[in-house]
Structures are given as structure tokens and as C-alpha cells.
Amino acid sequence: MDETTHFFETEDIVKVVKDSLMKANIDYRGYSNYDKALKMYEENYMEKIDDETIIFVLGDARNNRNDARMKTFLNLSDRAKHVFWLNPEEKRKFDNKS
């Protein structure tokens, strides 16, 4: 997980997406662990979340047997103006238990 707000200082959405994918400090080789990511977000950013905050999550929503940290996610959702979860997986793979 990485802070990407500064990439959104332009209206060029193509540049925003490219910079977010290429310049953000993200490890693309690992397995999803939303427990770790949401804990880090809660510890570092929760106090900054308000009714003007928009949160984007880009992830497969697989948690690989880790704690989902649902309470933290719901707290973020309650505090933020909007939360969008963009899942790059094919819809047929949603809720796949394998």
C-alpha cells in the first residue's frame, strides 16, 4: 500500500493511472493481505479521513486466510465521503474459495 494522492494533482487521468501503477511503492509479487494493509492505513491515515475523503482500493479482495479487518474497513467507509473497490479479477472469480 502507498499514498498516491499527489498523483491526482493533474486532470490527466491517463497520467494518474500510469503514475499510480509505475511510481507507487507497491509490491506486485506478493499475496493479498488486507489485514496488513488496513492496519497500516488505520495507524497512519485514519485521523485524516473525513467527509471529503474519497478512497480507492485496487485489489482482488482475496485475503489469503488473513484477518479481513472488516471493522477497520467499515470505519473507513463510515468516515469517508466515498469508498470504491476496483477489482481487476474476472467477475466469475469473485467469491472463489479456492
C-alpha atoms as a PDB file:
ATOM      1  CA  MET A   1       0.000   0.000   0.000  1.00  0.00           C
ATOM      2  CA  ASP A   2       1.203   3.506  -0.768  1.00  0.00           C
ATOM      3  CA  GLU A   3      -0.054   7.080  -0.633  1.00  0.00           C
ATOM      4  CA  THR A   4      -0.960   8.213  -4.162  1.00  0.00           C
ATOM      5  CA  THR A   5      -2.801  11.495  -3.534  1.00  0.00           C
ATOM      6  CA  HIS A   6      -0.033  13.553  -5.147  1.00  0.00           C
ATOM      7  CA  PHE A   7      -0.554  11.696  -8.442  1.00  0.00           C
ATOM      8  CA  PHE A   8      -4.071  13.185  -8.612  1.00  0.00           C
ATOM      9  CA  GLU A   9      -2.883  16.791  -8.807  1.00  0.00           C
ATOM     10  CA  THR A  10      -3.464  16.684 -12.561  1.00  0.00           C
ATOM     11  CA  GLU A  11      -6.677  16.223 -14.530  1.00  0.00           C
ATOM     12  CA  ASP A  12      -4.892  13.860 -16.942  1.00  0.00           C
ATOM     13  CA  ILE A  13      -6.427  10.554 -15.821  1.00  0.00           C
ATOM     14  CA  VAL A  14      -4.126   8.535 -18.083  1.00  0.00           C
ATOM     15  CA  LYS A  15      -1.103  10.077 -16.325  1.00  0.00           C
ATOM     16  CA  VAL A  16      -2.705   9.480 -12.910  1.00  0.00           C
ATOM     17  CA  VAL A  17      -3.220   5.779 -13.613  1.00  0.00           C
ATOM     18  CA  LYS A  18       0.222   5.348 -15.186  1.00  0.00           C
ATOM     19  CA  ASP A  19       1.992   7.128 -12.323  1.00  0.00           C
ATOM     20  CA  SER A  20      -0.008   5.227  -9.718  1.00  0.00           C
ATOM     21  CA  LEU A  21       0.924   1.898 -11.259  1.00  0.00           C
ATOM     22  CA  MET A  22       4.537   2.695 -12.133  1.00  0.00           C
ATOM     23  CA  LYS A  23       5.723   5.036  -9.365  1.00  0.00           C
ATOM     24  CA  ALA A  24       3.825   3.932  -6.271  1.00  0.00           C
ATOM     25  CA  ASN A  25       5.763   1.796  -3.816  1.00  0.00           C
ATOM     26  CA  ILE A  26       3.744  -1.372  -4.345  1.00  0.00           C
ATOM     27  CA  ASP A  27       4.956  -4.977  -4.341  1.00  0.00           C
ATOM     28  CA  TYR A  28       3.106  -6.724  -7.151  1.00  0.00           C
ATOM     29  CA  ARG A  29       4.664 -10.113  -6.406  1.00  0.00           C
ATOM     30  CA  GLY A  30       3.044 -10.815  -3.055  1.00  0.00           C
ATOM     31  CA  TYR A  31      -0.246 -12.260  -1.948  1.00  0.00           C
ATOM     32  CA  SER A  32      -3.112 -10.007  -0.887  1.00  0.00           C
ATOM     33  CA  ASN A  33      -3.179  -9.281   2.820  1.00  0.00           C
ATOM     34  CA  TYR A  34      -5.891  -6.748   3.630  1.00  0.00           C
ATOM     35  CA  ASP A  35      -5.295  -7.275   7.358  1.00  0.00           C
ATOM     36  CA  LYS A  36      -1.786  -5.831   6.986  1.00  0.00           C
ATOM     37  CA  ALA A  37      -2.815  -3.098   4.536  1.00  0.00           C
ATOM     38  CA  LEU A  38      -5.835  -1.902   6.520  1.00  0.00           C
ATOM     39  CA  LYS A  39      -3.882  -1.985   9.781  1.00  0.00           C
ATOM     40  CA  MET A  40      -1.202   0.226   8.212  1.00  0.00           C
ATOM     41  CA  TYR A  41      -3.871   2.548   6.816  1.00  0.00           C
ATOM     42  CA  GLU A  42      -5.607   2.737  10.186  1.00  0.00           C
ATOM     43  CA  GLU A  43      -2.351   3.536  12.010  1.00  0.00           C
ATOM     44  CA  ASN A  44      -1.121   6.153   9.521  1.00  0.00           C
ATOM     45  CA  TYR A  45      -4.154   7.792   7.938  1.00  0.00           C
ATOM     46  CA  MET A  46      -7.370   7.172   9.911  1.00  0.00           C
ATOM     47  CA  GLU A  47      -7.292  10.568  11.636  1.00  0.00           C
ATOM     48  CA  LYS A  48      -7.106  12.263   8.219  1.00  0.00           C
ATOM     49  CA  ILE A  49     -10.257  10.581   6.862  1.00  0.00           C
ATOM     50  CA  ASP A  50     -13.282  12.883   6.785  1.00  0.00           C
ATOM     51  CA  ASP A  51     -16.449  13.520   4.783  1.00  0.00           C
ATOM     52  CA  GLU A  52     -14.373  14.961   1.920  1.00  0.00           C
ATOM     53  CA  THR A  53     -12.146  11.877   1.578  1.00  0.00           C
ATOM     54  CA  ILE A  54     -12.547   9.504  -1.349  1.00  0.00           C
ATOM     55  CA  ILE A  55     -10.832   6.139  -1.008  1.00  0.00           C
ATOM     56  CA  PHE A  56      -9.991   3.863  -3.925  1.00  0.00           C
ATOM     57  CA  VAL A  57      -8.962   0.276  -3.290  1.00  0.00           C
ATOM     58  CA  LEU A  58      -7.477  -1.601  -6.227  1.00  0.00           C
ATOM     59  CA  GLY A  59      -7.241  -5.242  -5.324  1.00  0.00           C
ATOM     60  CA  ASP A  60      -8.533  -8.732  -5.878  1.00  0.00           C
ATOM     61  CA  ALA A  61     -10.355  -8.861  -2.491  1.00  0.00           C
ATOM     62  CA  ARG A  62      -8.667 -12.167  -1.700  1.00  0.00           C
ATOM     63  CA  ASN A  63      -7.247 -12.164   1.766  1.00  0.00           C
ATOM     64  CA  ASN A  64      -5.329 -15.443   1.655  1.00  0.00           C
ATOM     65  CA  ARG A  65      -6.568 -16.664   5.040  1.00  0.00           C
ATOM     66  CA  ASN A  66      -5.632 -13.425   6.815  1.00  0.00           C
ATOM     67  CA  ASP A  67      -7.959 -11.422   9.048  1.00  0.00           C
ATOM     68  CA  ALA A  68     -10.246  -9.294   6.851  1.00  0.00           C
ATOM     69  CA  ARG A  69     -10.093  -6.412   9.371  1.00  0.00           C
ATOM     70  CA  MET A  70     -13.722  -5.688   8.492  1.00  0.00           C
ATOM     71  CA  LYS A  71     -14.200  -3.355  11.470  1.00  0.00           C
ATOM     72  CA  THR A  72     -11.437  -1.080  10.152  1.00  0.00           C
ATOM     73  CA  PHE A  73     -12.870  -1.139   6.627  1.00  0.00           C
ATOM     74  CA  LEU A  74     -16.348  -0.277   7.878  1.00  0.00           C
ATOM     75  CA  ASN A  75     -14.908   2.542   9.995  1.00  0.00           C
ATOM     76  CA  LEU A  76     -13.169   3.939   6.910  1.00  0.00           C
ATOM     77  CA  SER A  77     -16.400   3.650   4.956  1.00  0.00           C
ATOM     78  CA  ASP A  78     -18.350   5.464   7.659  1.00  0.00           C
ATOM     79  CA  ARG A  79     -15.832   8.331   7.853  1.00  0.00           C
ATOM     80  CA  ALA A  80     -15.121   8.815   4.133  1.00  0.00           C
ATOM     81  CA  LYS A  81     -17.305  10.511   1.552  1.00  0.00           C
ATOM     82  CA  HIS A  82     -16.984   7.504  -0.782  1.00  0.00           C
ATOM     83  CA  VAL A  83     -15.099   4.221  -0.963  1.00  0.00           C
ATOM     84  CA  PHE A  84     -14.657   2.483  -4.303  1.00  0.00           C
ATOM     85  CA  TRP A  85     -13.242  -1.029  -4.607  1.00  0.00           C
ATOM     86  CA  LEU A  86     -11.901  -1.775  -8.077  1.00  0.00           C
ATOM     87  CA  ASN A  87     -11.362  -5.498  -8.511  1.00  0.00           C
ATOM     88  CA  PRO A  88      -9.207  -6.475 -11.513  1.00  0.00           C
ATOM     89  CA  GLU A  89     -10.371 -10.103 -11.354  1.00  0.00           C
ATOM     90  CA  GLU A  90     -12.994 -11.502 -13.678  1.00  0.00           C
ATOM     91  CA  LYS A  91     -16.409 -11.487 -12.012  1.00  0.00           C
ATOM     92  CA  ARG A  92     -16.617 -15.282 -12.289  1.00  0.00           C
ATOM     93  CA  LYS A  93     -13.667 -15.485  -9.861  1.00  0.00           C
ATOM     94  CA  PHE A  94     -15.424 -13.452  -7.143  1.00  0.00           C
ATOM     95  CA  ASP A  95     -16.149 -15.462  -4.001  1.00  0.00           C
ATOM     96  CA  ASN A  96     -13.998 -18.279  -5.308  1.00  0.00           C
ATOM     97  CA  LYS A  97     -12.933 -20.260  -2.240  1.00  0.00           C
ATOM     98  CA  SER A  98     -10.019 -21.964  -3.990  1.00  0.00           C
END
